[in-house]
Amino acid sequence: MLPPALVAATDFSTLRVCGGSYVDELLAGSSSDLLFTANVASKPAYYYVLFEHQSDPDELMPFRLLRYIVRILARHVANAKTPAAAPPLPLVISVVLHHGEKGWTVARRLEELFDPDGRAVKLRVSGRQRPESAARMSGGESTASIAVTSRFRDNHSGK
């Protein structure tokens, strides 16, 4: 269920159950959840497991998970001894367990809710320069690394 690299990076001897629930009250009858802490790549992280007790998948599940993850991180910040002690925020790995007969047929990632047909243009600017400095180029070099990727579905290649 989990990607092999994530399993390899997780120190399961540090796995601990956290108390509380993050599910919306209105959905408490059809969903339940568990939160765990564990070290992933030697850093604290959360594993959030959501059990869906409904036969049809929720089309807005990635959005629901975002709300739950924000609640988890808000609790993390509130429990920090000082506001300065909260960062860096821990990774939250969410896992949804669903028992529908047809499998999961709706969006798996938040970005799919914004771009269901996969035609989004992604812009990623890396480096510590200000965005306006990234546009300055001379001799094929730039002051920041810019990668612009487009994801267009190619009907002929099956992607």
N, C-alpha and C. Protein backbone atom coordinates (compact mmCIF):
# COMPACT_ATOMS: atom_id res chain seq x y z
N MET A 1 0.82 -1.19 0.00
CA MET A 1 0.00 0.00 0.00
C MET A 1 0.87 1.26 0.00
N LEU A 2 1.91 1.29 0.81
CA LEU A 2 2.80 2.45 0.85
C LEU A 2 3.94 2.26 -0.15
N PRO A 3 4.43 3.35 -0.72
CA PRO A 3 5.57 3.23 -1.64
C PRO A 3 6.78 2.63 -0.91
N PRO A 4 7.50 1.74 -1.59
CA PRO A 4 8.65 1.08 -0.95
C PRO A 4 9.67 2.07 -0.37
N ALA A 5 9.92 3.18 -1.04
CA ALA A 5 10.89 4.15 -0.53
C ALA A 5 10.41 4.77 0.78
N LEU A 6 9.11 4.98 0.92
CA LEU A 6 8.56 5.52 2.16
C LEU A 6 8.67 4.49 3.28
N VAL A 7 8.37 3.25 2.98
CA VAL A 7 8.50 2.18 3.97
C VAL A 7 9.95 2.08 4.43
N ALA A 8 10.89 2.13 3.49
CA ALA A 8 12.31 2.03 3.84
C ALA A 8 12.76 3.21 4.69
N ALA A 9 12.18 4.39 4.47
CA ALA A 9 12.59 5.59 5.21
C ALA A 9 11.94 5.70 6.58
N THR A 10 10.90 4.90 6.84
CA THR A 10 10.16 4.98 8.10
C THR A 10 10.77 4.05 9.14
N ASP A 11 11.04 4.61 10.30
CA ASP A 11 11.52 3.82 11.44
C ASP A 11 10.29 3.38 12.22
N PHE A 12 9.77 2.20 11.93
CA PHE A 12 8.54 1.73 12.54
C PHE A 12 8.68 1.44 14.03
N SER A 13 9.92 1.37 14.53
CA SER A 13 10.10 1.19 15.98
C SER A 13 9.71 2.46 16.73
N THR A 14 9.59 3.59 16.02
CA THR A 14 9.19 4.85 16.65
C THR A 14 7.70 5.12 16.50
N LEU A 15 6.96 4.23 15.87
CA LEU A 15 5.53 4.41 15.62
C LEU A 15 4.75 4.45 16.92
N ARG A 16 3.97 5.53 17.11
CA ARG A 16 3.15 5.71 18.30
C ARG A 16 1.78 6.25 17.87
N VAL A 17 0.74 5.80 18.58
CA VAL A 17 -0.61 6.28 18.32
C VAL A 17 -0.80 7.62 19.03
N CYS A 18 -1.44 8.57 18.34
CA CYS A 18 -1.81 9.85 18.93
C CYS A 18 -3.31 9.82 19.21
N GLY A 19 -3.74 10.55 20.19
CA GLY A 19 -5.16 10.61 20.49
C GLY A 19 -5.89 11.60 19.61
N GLY A 20 -7.20 11.53 19.65
CA GLY A 20 -8.02 12.51 18.95
C GLY A 20 -8.49 12.04 17.59
N SER A 21 -9.45 12.80 17.06
CA SER A 21 -9.99 12.54 15.73
C SER A 21 -10.05 13.87 14.98
N TYR A 22 -9.90 13.81 13.68
CA TYR A 22 -9.88 15.02 12.86
C TYR A 22 -10.99 15.02 11.82
N VAL A 23 -11.83 13.99 11.84
CA VAL A 23 -12.94 13.84 10.89
C VAL A 23 -14.01 14.87 11.21
N ASP A 24 -14.62 15.41 10.15
CA ASP A 24 -15.74 16.34 10.32
C ASP A 24 -16.85 15.65 11.11
N GLU A 25 -17.49 16.38 12.03
CA GLU A 25 -18.54 15.79 12.85
C GLU A 25 -19.65 15.17 12.02
N LEU A 26 -20.03 15.82 10.93
CA LEU A 26 -21.11 15.31 10.09
C LEU A 26 -20.76 13.98 9.42
N LEU A 27 -19.47 13.69 9.30
CA LEU A 27 -19.03 12.46 8.64
C LEU A 27 -18.58 11.38 9.62
N ALA A 28 -18.74 11.63 10.90
CA ALA A 28 -18.26 10.69 11.91
C ALA A 28 -18.93 9.33 11.80
N GLY A 29 -20.14 9.27 11.27
CA GLY A 29 -20.83 7.99 11.11
C GLY A 29 -20.32 7.16 9.95
N SER A 30 -19.65 7.80 8.99
CA SER A 30 -19.17 7.06 7.81
C SER A 30 -17.66 7.08 7.67
N SER A 31 -16.97 7.71 8.60
CA SER A 31 -15.50 7.78 8.56
C SER A 31 -14.95 7.69 9.97
N SER A 32 -13.80 7.08 10.09
CA SER A 32 -13.07 7.11 11.35
C SER A 32 -11.59 7.24 11.00
N ASP A 33 -10.80 7.68 11.96
CA ASP A 33 -9.41 7.95 11.66
C ASP A 33 -8.49 7.61 12.81
N LEU A 34 -7.22 7.44 12.47
CA LEU A 34 -6.16 7.22 13.45
C LEU A 34 -4.97 8.08 13.04
N LEU A 35 -4.29 8.62 14.02
CA LEU A 35 -3.09 9.40 13.78
C LEU A 35 -1.94 8.75 14.52
N PHE A 36 -0.83 8.60 13.82
CA PHE A 36 0.38 8.02 14.39
C PHE A 36 1.53 8.99 14.20
N THR A 37 2.52 8.92 15.07
CA THR A 37 3.78 9.61 14.84
C THR A 37 4.82 8.53 14.56
N ALA A 38 5.80 8.88 13.76
CA ALA A 38 6.93 8.00 13.47
C ALA A 38 8.03 8.86 12.88
N ASN A 39 9.24 8.39 12.96
CA ASN A 39 10.35 9.08 12.30
C ASN A 39 10.43 8.60 10.86
N VAL A 40 10.48 9.54 9.94
CA VAL A 40 10.64 9.25 8.52
C VAL A 40 11.90 10.00 8.08
N ALA A 41 12.85 9.27 7.57
CA ALA A 41 14.15 9.84 7.19
C ALA A 41 14.74 10.59 8.39
N SER A 42 14.62 9.97 9.56
CA SER A 42 15.17 10.49 10.83
C SER A 42 14.53 11.80 11.28
N LYS A 43 13.34 12.11 10.76
CA LYS A 43 12.64 13.33 11.17
C LYS A 43 11.23 12.96 11.61
N PRO A 44 10.67 13.72 12.57
CA PRO A 44 9.31 13.41 13.02
C PRO A 44 8.30 13.60 11.89
N ALA A 45 7.33 12.70 11.85
CA ALA A 45 6.28 12.77 10.83
C ALA A 45 5.01 12.18 11.43
N TYR A 46 3.91 12.45 10.76
CA TYR A 46 2.62 11.86 11.12
C TYR A 46 2.16 10.94 10.00
N TYR A 47 1.57 9.83 10.39
CA TYR A 47 0.82 8.98 9.47
C TYR A 47 -0.64 9.17 9.85
N TYR A 48 -1.44 9.64 8.90
CA TYR A 48 -2.86 9.84 9.14
C TYR A 48 -3.63 8.80 8.33
N VAL A 49 -4.37 7.93 9.03
CA VAL A 49 -5.10 6.86 8.38
C VAL A 49 -6.59 7.15 8.51
N LEU A 50 -7.26 7.25 7.37
CA LEU A 50 -8.70 7.53 7.34
C LEU A 50 -9.41 6.29 6.81
N PHE A 51 -10.36 5.81 7.58
CA PHE A 51 -11.16 4.64 7.19
C PHE A 51 -12.50 5.16 6.66
N GLU A 52 -12.79 4.88 5.41
CA GLU A 52 -14.04 5.31 4.79
C GLU A 52 -15.03 4.15 4.84
N HIS A 53 -16.12 4.34 5.55
CA HIS A 53 -17.15 3.31 5.69
C HIS A 53 -18.33 3.65 4.80
N GLN A 54 -18.08 3.80 3.53
CA GLN A 54 -19.13 4.07 2.57
C GLN A 54 -18.78 3.37 1.27
N SER A 55 -19.78 3.01 0.50
CA SER A 55 -19.53 2.20 -0.69
C SER A 55 -19.06 3.01 -1.89
N ASP A 56 -19.38 4.31 -1.93
CA ASP A 56 -18.95 5.15 -3.05
C ASP A 56 -17.86 6.10 -2.58
N PRO A 57 -16.82 6.28 -3.40
CA PRO A 57 -15.74 7.20 -3.00
C PRO A 57 -16.23 8.65 -3.01
N ASP A 58 -15.64 9.44 -2.15
CA ASP A 58 -15.95 10.87 -2.04
C ASP A 58 -15.14 11.63 -3.07
N GLU A 59 -15.81 12.31 -3.99
CA GLU A 59 -15.11 13.04 -5.06
C GLU A 59 -14.24 14.16 -4.52
N LEU A 60 -14.53 14.66 -3.34
CA LEU A 60 -13.74 15.75 -2.75
C LEU A 60 -12.79 15.25 -1.67
N MET A 61 -12.44 13.97 -1.69
CA MET A 61 -11.57 13.41 -0.65
C MET A 61 -10.25 14.17 -0.51
N PRO A 62 -9.55 14.53 -1.59
CA PRO A 62 -8.31 15.28 -1.39
C PRO A 62 -8.54 16.60 -0.64
N PHE A 63 -9.67 17.25 -0.88
CA PHE A 63 -9.98 18.49 -0.17
C PHE A 63 -10.27 18.20 1.31
N ARG A 64 -11.01 17.13 1.58
CA ARG A 64 -11.26 16.73 2.96
C ARG A 64 -9.94 16.45 3.67
N LEU A 65 -9.04 15.72 3.01
CA LEU A 65 -7.75 15.42 3.62
C LEU A 65 -6.97 16.69 3.92
N LEU A 66 -7.05 17.66 3.03
CA LEU A 66 -6.37 18.94 3.28
C LEU A 66 -6.88 19.56 4.57
N ARG A 67 -8.21 19.57 4.76
CA ARG A 67 -8.77 20.13 6.00
C ARG A 67 -8.26 19.36 7.21
N TYR A 68 -8.23 18.02 7.13
CA TYR A 68 -7.77 17.22 8.25
C TYR A 68 -6.29 17.45 8.53
N ILE A 69 -5.49 17.55 7.49
CA ILE A 69 -4.05 17.78 7.65
C ILE A 69 -3.81 19.14 8.29
N VAL A 70 -4.58 20.15 7.90
CA VAL A 70 -4.45 21.47 8.53
C VAL A 70 -4.78 21.37 10.01
N ARG A 71 -5.80 20.61 10.37
CA ARG A 71 -6.14 20.42 11.78
C ARG A 71 -5.00 19.73 12.54
N ILE A 72 -4.40 18.73 11.92
CA ILE A 72 -3.29 18.02 12.55
C ILE A 72 -2.12 18.98 12.78
N LEU A 73 -1.80 19.76 11.77
CA LEU A 73 -0.67 20.70 11.89
C LEU A 73 -1.00 21.83 12.87
N ALA A 74 -2.25 22.26 12.92
CA ALA A 74 -2.64 23.30 13.88
C ALA A 74 -2.46 22.79 15.30
N ARG A 75 -2.81 21.53 15.53
CA ARG A 75 -2.59 20.94 16.86
C ARG A 75 -1.10 20.85 17.16
N HIS A 76 -0.31 20.48 16.14
CA HIS A 76 1.14 20.41 16.32
C HIS A 76 1.69 21.77 16.75
N VAL A 77 1.27 22.82 16.08
CA VAL A 77 1.75 24.17 16.40
C VAL A 77 1.26 24.58 17.79
N ALA A 78 0.00 24.31 18.10
CA ALA A 78 -0.55 24.67 19.41
C ALA A 78 0.17 23.94 20.55
N ASN A 79 0.62 22.72 20.29
CA ASN A 79 1.31 21.95 21.32
C ASN A 79 2.79 22.28 21.45
N ALA A 80 3.32 23.07 20.53
CA ALA A 80 4.74 23.47 20.62
C ALA A 80 4.93 24.36 21.84
N LYS A 81 6.07 24.22 22.48
CA LYS A 81 6.32 25.00 23.70
C LYS A 81 6.34 26.49 23.42
N THR A 82 6.83 26.87 22.25
CA THR A 82 6.81 28.26 21.82
C THR A 82 6.50 28.26 20.33
N PRO A 83 5.95 29.36 19.79
CA PRO A 83 5.70 29.39 18.34
C PRO A 83 6.95 29.11 17.51
N ALA A 84 8.09 29.54 18.01
CA ALA A 84 9.33 29.31 17.26
C ALA A 84 9.74 27.85 17.26
N ALA A 85 9.20 27.05 18.19
CA ALA A 85 9.55 25.63 18.27
C ALA A 85 8.75 24.78 17.29
N ALA A 86 7.69 25.33 16.69
CA ALA A 86 6.83 24.54 15.80
C ALA A 86 7.51 24.20 14.47
N PRO A 87 8.15 25.15 13.80
CA PRO A 87 8.80 24.79 12.53
C PRO A 87 10.09 24.01 12.77
N PRO A 88 10.51 23.21 11.85
CA PRO A 88 9.80 22.91 10.61
C PRO A 88 8.61 22.00 10.91
N LEU A 89 7.55 22.21 10.16
CA LEU A 89 6.37 21.37 10.33
C LEU A 89 6.67 19.95 9.89
N PRO A 90 6.09 18.98 10.57
CA PRO A 90 6.35 17.58 10.20
C PRO A 90 5.57 17.18 8.94
N LEU A 91 6.09 16.23 8.26
CA LEU A 91 5.41 15.63 7.13
C LEU A 91 4.15 14.94 7.62
N VAL A 92 3.05 15.05 6.87
CA VAL A 92 1.83 14.32 7.19
C VAL A 92 1.54 13.40 6.01
N ILE A 93 1.63 12.11 6.25
CA ILE A 93 1.40 11.10 5.21
C ILE A 93 -0.01 10.59 5.41
N SER A 94 -0.87 10.82 4.43
CA SER A 94 -2.26 10.40 4.58
C SER A 94 -2.52 9.12 3.79
N VAL A 95 -3.29 8.24 4.42
CA VAL A 95 -3.66 6.96 3.82
C VAL A 95 -5.17 6.83 3.97
N VAL A 96 -5.87 6.59 2.86
CA VAL A 96 -7.32 6.40 2.90
C VAL A 96 -7.61 4.94 2.61
N LEU A 97 -8.35 4.31 3.50
CA LEU A 97 -8.78 2.92 3.31
C LEU A 97 -10.26 2.94 2.97
N HIS A 98 -10.59 2.38 1.81
CA HIS A 98 -11.95 2.43 1.27
C HIS A 98 -12.34 1.02 0.85
N HIS A 99 -13.56 0.62 1.11
CA HIS A 99 -13.97 -0.76 0.82
C HIS A 99 -14.96 -0.88 -0.34
N GLY A 100 -15.09 0.13 -1.16
CA GLY A 100 -16.03 0.06 -2.28
C GLY A 100 -15.68 -1.04 -3.27
N GLU A 101 -16.70 -1.65 -3.84
CA GLU A 101 -16.49 -2.75 -4.78
C GLU A 101 -15.82 -2.32 -6.07
N LYS A 102 -16.03 -1.08 -6.50
CA LYS A 102 -15.48 -0.60 -7.77
C LYS A 102 -14.09 0.02 -7.62
N GLY A 103 -13.57 0.06 -6.41
CA GLY A 103 -12.26 0.69 -6.20
C GLY A 103 -12.38 2.20 -6.14
N TRP A 104 -11.24 2.85 -6.08
CA TRP A 104 -11.21 4.32 -5.98
C TRP A 104 -11.18 4.88 -7.40
N THR A 105 -12.24 5.55 -7.80
CA THR A 105 -12.39 6.01 -9.18
C THR A 105 -12.38 7.52 -9.31
N VAL A 106 -12.11 8.22 -8.22
CA VAL A 106 -12.13 9.68 -8.24
C VAL A 106 -10.73 10.21 -7.91
N ALA A 107 -10.60 11.52 -7.81
CA ALA A 107 -9.30 12.17 -7.60
C ALA A 107 -8.58 11.58 -6.39
N ARG A 108 -7.27 11.39 -6.56
CA ARG A 108 -6.41 10.92 -5.48
C ARG A 108 -5.56 12.05 -4.91
N ARG A 109 -5.36 13.09 -5.70
CA ARG A 109 -4.50 14.21 -5.30
C ARG A 109 -5.27 15.51 -5.42
N LEU A 110 -4.95 16.45 -4.55
CA LEU A 110 -5.65 17.74 -4.52
C LEU A 110 -5.59 18.44 -5.87
N GLU A 111 -4.46 18.40 -6.54
CA GLU A 111 -4.33 19.10 -7.81
C GLU A 111 -5.30 18.58 -8.86
N GLU A 112 -5.72 17.33 -8.73
CA GLU A 112 -6.68 16.77 -9.69
C GLU A 112 -8.05 17.43 -9.57
N LEU A 113 -8.36 18.01 -8.41
CA LEU A 113 -9.64 18.71 -8.25
C LEU A 113 -9.64 20.02 -9.03
N PHE A 114 -8.47 20.62 -9.21
CA PHE A 114 -8.35 21.85 -9.97
C PHE A 114 -8.21 21.57 -11.46
N ASP A 115 -7.68 20.41 -11.79
CA ASP A 115 -7.32 20.08 -13.17
C ASP A 115 -7.67 18.63 -13.46
N PRO A 116 -8.97 18.31 -13.55
CA PRO A 116 -9.36 16.91 -13.68
C PRO A 116 -8.92 16.23 -14.98
N ASP A 117 -8.67 17.00 -16.04
CA ASP A 117 -8.26 16.36 -17.29
C ASP A 117 -6.75 16.35 -17.48
N GLY A 118 -5.99 16.83 -16.50
CA GLY A 118 -4.53 16.73 -16.55
C GLY A 118 -3.85 17.70 -17.49
N ARG A 119 -4.44 18.83 -17.78
CA ARG A 119 -3.85 19.79 -18.71
C ARG A 119 -3.23 21.00 -18.02
N ALA A 120 -2.92 20.86 -16.74
CA ALA A 120 -2.38 21.99 -15.98
C ALA A 120 -0.95 22.31 -16.41
N VAL A 121 -0.62 23.57 -16.34
CA VAL A 121 0.75 24.00 -16.53
C VAL A 121 1.31 24.27 -15.15
N LYS A 122 2.39 23.58 -14.82
CA LYS A 122 3.01 23.75 -13.51
C LYS A 122 4.23 24.63 -13.65
N LEU A 123 4.40 25.51 -12.70
CA LEU A 123 5.59 26.36 -12.66
C LEU A 123 6.27 26.11 -11.33
N ARG A 124 7.53 25.76 -11.42
CA ARG A 124 8.31 25.54 -10.20
C ARG A 124 9.55 26.40 -10.30
N VAL A 125 9.73 27.30 -9.36
CA VAL A 125 10.92 28.12 -9.30
C VAL A 125 11.71 27.65 -8.10
N SER A 126 12.94 27.21 -8.34
CA SER A 126 13.78 26.79 -7.24
C SER A 126 14.96 27.72 -7.13
N GLY A 127 15.53 27.80 -5.97
CA GLY A 127 16.62 28.73 -5.71
C GLY A 127 16.13 29.76 -4.72
N ARG A 128 17.04 30.54 -4.21
CA ARG A 128 16.68 31.51 -3.18
C ARG A 128 16.54 32.93 -3.73
N GLN A 129 16.66 33.11 -5.02
CA GLN A 129 16.55 34.43 -5.60
C GLN A 129 15.09 34.87 -5.62
N ARG A 130 14.90 36.18 -5.65
CA ARG A 130 13.55 36.71 -5.79
C ARG A 130 13.03 36.35 -7.17
N PRO A 131 11.72 36.16 -7.33
CA PRO A 131 11.17 35.77 -8.62
C PRO A 131 11.56 36.69 -9.77
N GLU A 132 11.64 38.03 -9.50
CA GLU A 132 11.97 38.93 -10.59
C GLU A 132 13.41 38.73 -11.08
N SER A 133 14.30 38.26 -10.20
CA SER A 133 15.68 38.03 -10.62
C SER A 133 15.80 36.76 -11.43
N ALA A 134 14.83 35.85 -11.28
CA ALA A 134 14.89 34.60 -12.01
C ALA A 134 14.70 34.81 -13.50
N ALA A 135 14.09 35.92 -13.87
CA ALA A 135 13.81 36.16 -15.29
C ALA A 135 15.03 36.67 -16.03
N ARG A 136 16.03 37.17 -15.30
CA ARG A 136 17.22 37.71 -15.96
C ARG A 136 18.12 36.58 -16.43
N MET A 137 18.41 36.53 -17.70
CA MET A 137 19.27 35.48 -18.23
C MET A 137 20.35 36.10 -19.09
N SER A 138 21.54 35.52 -19.04
CA SER A 138 22.62 36.01 -19.90
C SER A 138 23.45 34.81 -20.33
N GLY A 139 23.67 34.68 -21.60
CA GLY A 139 24.51 33.60 -22.11
C GLY A 139 24.01 32.21 -21.77
N GLY A 140 22.71 32.03 -21.72
CA GLY A 140 22.15 30.71 -21.44
C GLY A 140 22.12 30.37 -19.96
N GLU A 141 22.56 31.28 -19.10
CA GLU A 141 22.52 31.01 -17.67
C GLU A 141 21.44 31.86 -17.04
N SER A 142 20.90 31.40 -15.95
CA SER A 142 19.90 32.19 -15.23
C SER A 142 20.35 32.32 -13.79
N THR A 143 19.80 33.30 -13.10
CA THR A 143 20.16 33.50 -11.70
C THR A 143 19.40 32.56 -10.78
N ALA A 144 18.44 31.87 -11.30
CA ALA A 144 17.72 30.86 -10.53
C ALA A 144 17.35 29.74 -11.48
N SER A 145 17.16 28.60 -10.93
CA SER A 145 16.77 27.47 -11.74
C SER A 145 15.26 27.50 -11.91
N ILE A 146 14.80 27.54 -13.13
CA ILE A 146 13.36 27.57 -13.40
C ILE A 146 13.01 26.36 -14.23
N ALA A 147 12.04 25.66 -13.78
CA ALA A 147 11.55 24.53 -14.57
C ALA A 147 10.07 24.76 -14.81
N VAL A 148 9.69 24.83 -16.04
CA VAL A 148 8.28 24.95 -16.38
C VAL A 148 7.91 23.67 -17.11
N THR A 149 6.97 22.99 -16.58
CA THR A 149 6.56 21.75 -17.20
C THR A 149 5.08 21.81 -17.51
N SER A 150 4.73 21.29 -18.61
CA SER A 150 3.32 21.17 -18.98
C SER A 150 2.95 19.70 -19.00
N ARG A 151 1.82 19.41 -18.47
CA ARG A 151 1.33 18.05 -18.53
C ARG A 151 0.11 18.05 -19.44
N PHE A 152 0.29 17.57 -20.63
CA PHE A 152 -0.83 17.42 -21.53
C PHE A 152 -1.01 15.94 -21.81
N ARG A 153 -2.19 15.51 -21.71
CA ARG A 153 -2.45 14.10 -22.02
C ARG A 153 -2.31 13.90 -23.52
N ASP A 154 -1.54 12.91 -23.88
CA ASP A 154 -1.32 12.56 -25.27
C ASP A 154 -2.18 11.33 -25.57
N ASN A 155 -3.23 11.53 -26.33
CA ASN A 155 -4.15 10.43 -26.61
C ASN A 155 -3.47 9.29 -27.34
N HIS A 156 -2.38 9.57 -28.04
CA HIS A 156 -1.72 8.52 -28.82
C HIS A 156 -0.76 7.69 -27.99
N SER A 157 -0.20 8.27 -26.94
CA SER A 157 0.79 7.53 -26.15
C SER A 157 0.16 6.87 -24.92
N GLY A 158 -1.09 7.21 -24.65
CA GLY A 158 -1.78 6.61 -23.50
C GLY A 158 -1.38 7.20 -22.17
N LYS A 159 -0.73 8.33 -22.15
CA LYS A 159 -0.32 8.97 -20.90
C LYS A 159 -1.44 9.82 -20.34
